[in-house]
Amino acid sequence: MIEGESLVQEALQIGWPLLQVVGLGALPTLPAETEALEVSPELMAQLTTLSSPPALLAVARQKPLSPPSSARSCLLVTAPLQDPGNFGALLRLADAMNLAGVWVVGEGVDPYHPKVVRGAMGSVLRMPVRVLSTTAELIELKAAGWTLLATAAQGQVSSFEFAFPAKTAFLLGSEGPGLPLELTELADLSLRIPIQARVESLNVVTAAAMLLHEYARQYPQERF
């Protein structure tokens, strides 16, 4: 569900498939296949997850996803995240850095949870998300020439000193357990982010931002 006038308008502009658009008043011009419903503020308050009823909300269909393109050669691959705020922020970060997508291995928070959609602030509409039940597609990714880099406190190489391959997939752990063994074993190399020893770990979004900033510094033409 997409809540709020600006997000619904953005979904319409980029051609996201909308099943229904619900509004408090006059509705925007909609594709022929989209159902339009005008409702009362009282009913909108029951439909929305927001504290105040929005002027518009929409029920959207998930887009089919294609493999990463060669034009955008960096991926984030995460263990299942449980916090929708973290996942939304991760999507926004991936969008800001023009990544090929965000992949999740295992079941965690719903990538289209209302709090994820709000936290991503529109990026969920632009950033390809894939939820994988196994690591088979990561094995195929390696076979296609991608380098899989794990993140670990005791990683083999500092992220500040590593020359990133153009086709890089960063493997990130979840908020508590960290990176599961099945992902660690797939990695070509483990990276450590240089931080003070008194700080045991970083939030997954913070860690991703530091890695992506260094990648973007090495490949600025890919990003902006």
Protein backbone atom coordinates (compact mmCIF):
# COMPACT_ATOMS: atom_id res chain seq x y z
CA MET A 1 0.00 0.00 0.00
CA ILE A 2 1.26 3.49 -0.93
CA GLU A 3 0.08 6.25 1.40
CA GLY A 4 0.22 9.99 0.77
CA GLU A 5 -0.39 12.22 -2.21
CA SER A 6 3.26 12.71 -3.17
CA LEU A 7 4.06 8.97 -3.18
CA VAL A 8 0.93 8.10 -5.16
CA GLN A 9 1.71 10.84 -7.70
CA GLU A 10 5.29 9.56 -8.03
CA ALA A 11 4.03 6.01 -8.57
CA LEU A 12 1.78 7.29 -11.35
CA GLN A 13 4.61 9.27 -12.96
CA ILE A 14 6.95 6.27 -13.17
CA GLY A 15 4.21 3.94 -14.38
CA TRP A 16 3.99 1.68 -11.34
CA PRO A 17 1.00 -0.70 -11.73
CA LEU A 18 -1.74 0.50 -9.36
CA LEU A 19 -4.80 -1.65 -8.70
CA GLN A 20 -6.77 0.99 -6.80
CA VAL A 21 -6.42 4.65 -5.89
CA VAL A 22 -8.50 5.89 -2.97
CA GLY A 23 -8.95 9.62 -2.31
CA LEU A 24 -10.79 12.11 -0.16
CA GLY A 25 -11.72 14.37 -3.07
CA ALA A 26 -10.95 14.82 -6.74
CA LEU A 27 -8.67 12.03 -7.96
CA PRO A 28 -5.75 12.41 -10.38
CA THR A 29 -5.95 11.09 -13.92
CA LEU A 30 -5.54 7.32 -13.70
CA PRO A 31 -4.76 4.52 -16.14
CA ALA A 32 -7.84 2.72 -17.44
CA GLU A 33 -6.99 -0.44 -15.49
CA THR A 34 -6.81 1.39 -12.12
CA GLU A 35 -9.96 1.47 -10.01
CA ALA A 36 -10.79 4.90 -8.51
CA LEU A 37 -12.63 5.27 -5.21
CA GLU A 38 -13.66 8.45 -3.41
CA VAL A 39 -14.20 7.93 0.32
CA SER A 40 -15.03 9.89 3.45
CA PRO A 41 -12.36 11.00 5.94
CA GLU A 42 -13.80 8.51 8.42
CA LEU A 43 -13.32 5.57 6.06
CA MET A 44 -9.86 6.79 5.01
CA ALA A 45 -8.86 6.85 8.69
CA GLN A 46 -9.76 3.16 8.87
CA LEU A 47 -7.83 2.28 5.72
CA THR A 48 -4.58 4.11 6.42
CA THR A 49 -1.74 3.22 8.78
CA LEU A 50 -0.89 6.93 9.18
CA SER A 51 -1.93 8.94 12.22
CA SER A 52 -3.73 11.46 9.98
CA PRO A 53 -5.77 10.36 6.95
CA PRO A 54 -3.88 11.15 3.71
CA ALA A 55 -5.55 12.76 0.70
CA LEU A 56 -4.62 9.72 -1.41
CA LEU A 57 -3.57 6.14 -0.98
CA ALA A 58 -3.10 3.35 -3.49
CA VAL A 59 -2.94 -0.41 -3.64
CA ALA A 60 -0.04 -1.33 -5.92
CA ARG A 61 1.03 -4.48 -7.71
CA GLN A 62 4.61 -5.66 -7.36
CA LYS A 63 6.67 -5.24 -10.52
CA PRO A 64 8.45 -8.23 -12.06
CA LEU A 65 12.19 -7.94 -11.44
CA SER A 66 14.99 -8.53 -13.90
CA PRO A 67 18.66 -9.44 -13.25
CA PRO A 68 21.01 -6.54 -12.45
CA SER A 69 22.08 -4.51 -15.47
CA SER A 70 25.68 -3.90 -16.41
CA ALA A 71 25.06 -0.15 -16.25
CA ARG A 72 24.59 -0.25 -12.48
CA SER A 73 27.15 -2.69 -11.15
CA CYS A 74 26.74 -2.74 -7.39
CA LEU A 75 24.30 -4.69 -5.23
CA LEU A 76 23.42 -4.89 -1.56
CA VAL A 77 22.65 -8.40 -0.32
CA THR A 78 21.37 -8.66 3.22
CA ALA A 79 20.42 -11.29 5.73
CA PRO A 80 16.77 -10.86 6.77
CA LEU A 81 16.18 -7.51 8.49
CA GLN A 82 13.41 -7.18 11.07
CA ASP A 83 13.16 -3.40 11.44
CA PRO A 84 11.08 -1.78 8.66
CA GLY A 85 12.73 1.57 9.38
CA ASN A 86 16.17 0.08 8.72
CA PHE A 87 15.04 -1.58 5.51
CA GLY A 88 13.39 1.60 4.25
CA ALA A 89 16.55 3.58 4.98
CA LEU A 90 18.62 0.93 3.19
CA LEU A 91 16.45 1.25 0.07
CA ARG A 92 16.78 5.04 0.16
CA LEU A 93 20.55 4.72 0.46
CA ALA A 94 20.70 2.23 -2.43
CA ASP A 95 18.62 4.59 -4.57
CA ALA A 96 20.82 7.56 -3.67
CA MET A 97 23.91 5.63 -4.76
CA ASN A 98 22.24 4.34 -7.96
CA LEU A 99 22.63 0.64 -7.17
CA ALA A 100 21.40 -2.25 -9.27
CA GLY A 101 19.17 -3.48 -6.46
CA VAL A 102 18.78 -4.83 -2.94
CA TRP A 103 18.51 -8.59 -2.40
CA VAL A 104 17.41 -10.28 0.82
CA VAL A 105 18.29 -13.92 1.53
CA GLY A 106 15.58 -15.37 3.78
CA GLU A 107 12.38 -14.04 5.28
CA GLY A 108 12.43 -10.83 7.28
CA VAL A 109 10.39 -7.65 7.16
CA ASP A 110 8.04 -7.33 4.19
CA PRO A 111 9.85 -5.10 1.64
CA TYR A 112 6.50 -3.41 0.96
CA HIS A 113 5.48 -2.94 4.60
CA PRO A 114 3.90 0.53 4.99
CA LYS A 115 6.74 1.64 7.29
CA VAL A 116 9.29 0.50 4.71
CA VAL A 117 7.48 2.42 1.97
CA ARG A 118 7.38 5.58 4.12
CA GLY A 119 10.98 5.23 5.29
CA ALA A 120 12.23 4.78 1.74
CA MET A 121 10.38 7.98 0.72
CA GLY A 122 9.72 6.89 -2.85
CA SER A 123 12.88 4.83 -3.32
CA VAL A 124 10.88 1.61 -2.95
CA LEU A 125 9.24 2.54 -6.27
CA ARG A 126 12.60 2.83 -8.06
CA MET A 127 14.90 0.32 -6.38
CA PRO A 128 14.57 -3.35 -7.47
CA VAL A 129 14.11 -5.62 -4.44
CA ARG A 130 14.40 -9.40 -4.53
CA VAL A 131 13.68 -11.82 -1.70
CA LEU A 132 15.58 -15.09 -2.18
CA SER A 133 14.71 -18.32 -0.42
CA THR A 134 18.11 -19.89 -1.18
CA THR A 135 21.61 -18.79 -2.16
CA ALA A 136 21.30 -20.30 -5.66
CA GLU A 137 21.02 -16.89 -7.36
CA LEU A 138 24.11 -15.65 -5.52
CA ILE A 139 26.04 -18.64 -6.85
CA GLU A 140 24.84 -17.70 -10.34
CA LEU A 141 25.90 -14.11 -9.67
CA LYS A 142 29.44 -15.27 -8.86
CA ALA A 143 29.51 -17.38 -12.01
CA ALA A 144 28.54 -14.27 -13.99
CA GLY A 145 31.65 -12.46 -12.78
CA TRP A 146 30.42 -10.62 -9.68
CA THR A 147 32.60 -10.37 -6.56
CA LEU A 148 30.82 -11.08 -3.26
CA LEU A 149 32.25 -9.16 -0.31
CA ALA A 150 31.28 -10.04 3.25
CA THR A 151 31.45 -7.57 6.11
CA ALA A 152 33.01 -8.67 9.40
CA ALA A 153 34.58 -7.01 12.43
CA GLN A 154 37.72 -9.08 11.84
CA GLY A 155 37.62 -8.90 8.05
CA GLN A 156 40.69 -9.75 5.99
CA VAL A 157 41.08 -6.32 4.38
CA SER A 158 40.19 -2.76 5.37
CA SER A 159 37.45 -1.25 3.22
CA PHE A 160 39.60 1.89 2.99
CA GLU A 161 42.44 -0.02 1.30
CA PHE A 162 40.55 -2.33 -1.03
CA ALA A 163 40.23 -1.79 -4.79
CA PHE A 164 36.63 -2.76 -5.46
CA PRO A 165 35.86 -4.74 -8.62
CA ALA A 166 33.29 -3.00 -10.82
CA LYS A 167 30.70 -5.75 -10.27
CA THR A 168 30.52 -5.90 -6.48
CA ALA A 169 27.85 -7.32 -4.20
CA PHE A 170 28.14 -6.35 -0.53
CA LEU A 171 26.89 -9.03 1.90
CA LEU A 172 25.44 -7.42 5.03
CA GLY A 173 24.36 -9.05 8.28
CA SER A 174 21.08 -8.46 10.08
CA GLU A 175 20.67 -6.26 13.17
CA GLY A 176 21.38 -8.94 15.76
CA PRO A 177 22.91 -12.21 14.52
CA GLY A 178 25.07 -10.62 11.83
CA LEU A 179 26.03 -12.39 8.61
CA PRO A 180 24.92 -16.05 8.54
CA LEU A 181 27.46 -18.76 7.76
CA GLU A 182 25.87 -19.64 4.41
CA LEU A 183 26.57 -16.11 3.14
CA THR A 184 30.01 -15.86 4.73
CA GLU A 185 31.08 -19.06 2.98
CA LEU A 186 29.97 -17.70 -0.40
CA ALA A 187 32.03 -14.52 -0.07
CA ASP A 188 35.20 -14.06 -2.09
CA LEU A 189 36.67 -11.89 0.66
CA SER A 190 35.69 -10.33 3.99
CA LEU A 191 36.04 -6.60 4.60
CA ARG A 192 36.35 -4.76 7.87
CA ILE A 193 35.27 -1.15 8.30
CA PRO A 194 37.93 0.74 10.30
CA ILE A 195 36.31 1.92 13.55
CA GLN A 196 37.42 2.26 17.16
CA ALA A 197 37.79 -1.08 18.94
CA ARG A 198 35.52 0.12 21.76
CA VAL A 199 32.61 0.16 19.30
CA GLU A 200 31.66 -3.46 18.65
CA SER A 201 29.51 -3.00 15.57
CA LEU A 202 27.64 -0.55 13.35
CA ASN A 203 24.00 -0.29 12.38
CA VAL A 204 23.46 -2.10 9.07
CA VAL A 205 22.51 1.13 7.28
CA THR A 206 25.56 2.96 8.63
CA ALA A 207 27.85 0.12 7.56
CA ALA A 208 26.30 0.04 4.09
CA ALA A 209 26.69 3.81 3.73
CA MET A 210 30.40 3.67 4.58
CA LEU A 211 31.04 0.84 2.11
CA LEU A 212 29.03 2.44 -0.68
CA HIS A 213 30.71 5.80 -0.21
CA GLU A 214 34.10 4.17 -0.72
CA TYR A 215 32.83 2.23 -3.74
CA ALA A 216 31.35 5.41 -5.24
CA ARG A 217 34.63 7.25 -4.69
CA GLN A 218 36.35 4.63 -6.84
CA TYR A 219 33.62 4.57 -9.50
CA PRO A 220 32.09 8.08 -9.55
CA GLN A 221 30.97 7.78 -13.17
CA GLU A 222 28.75 4.82 -12.22
CA ARG A 223 26.88 6.72 -9.57
CA PHE A 224 26.18 10.33 -10.45
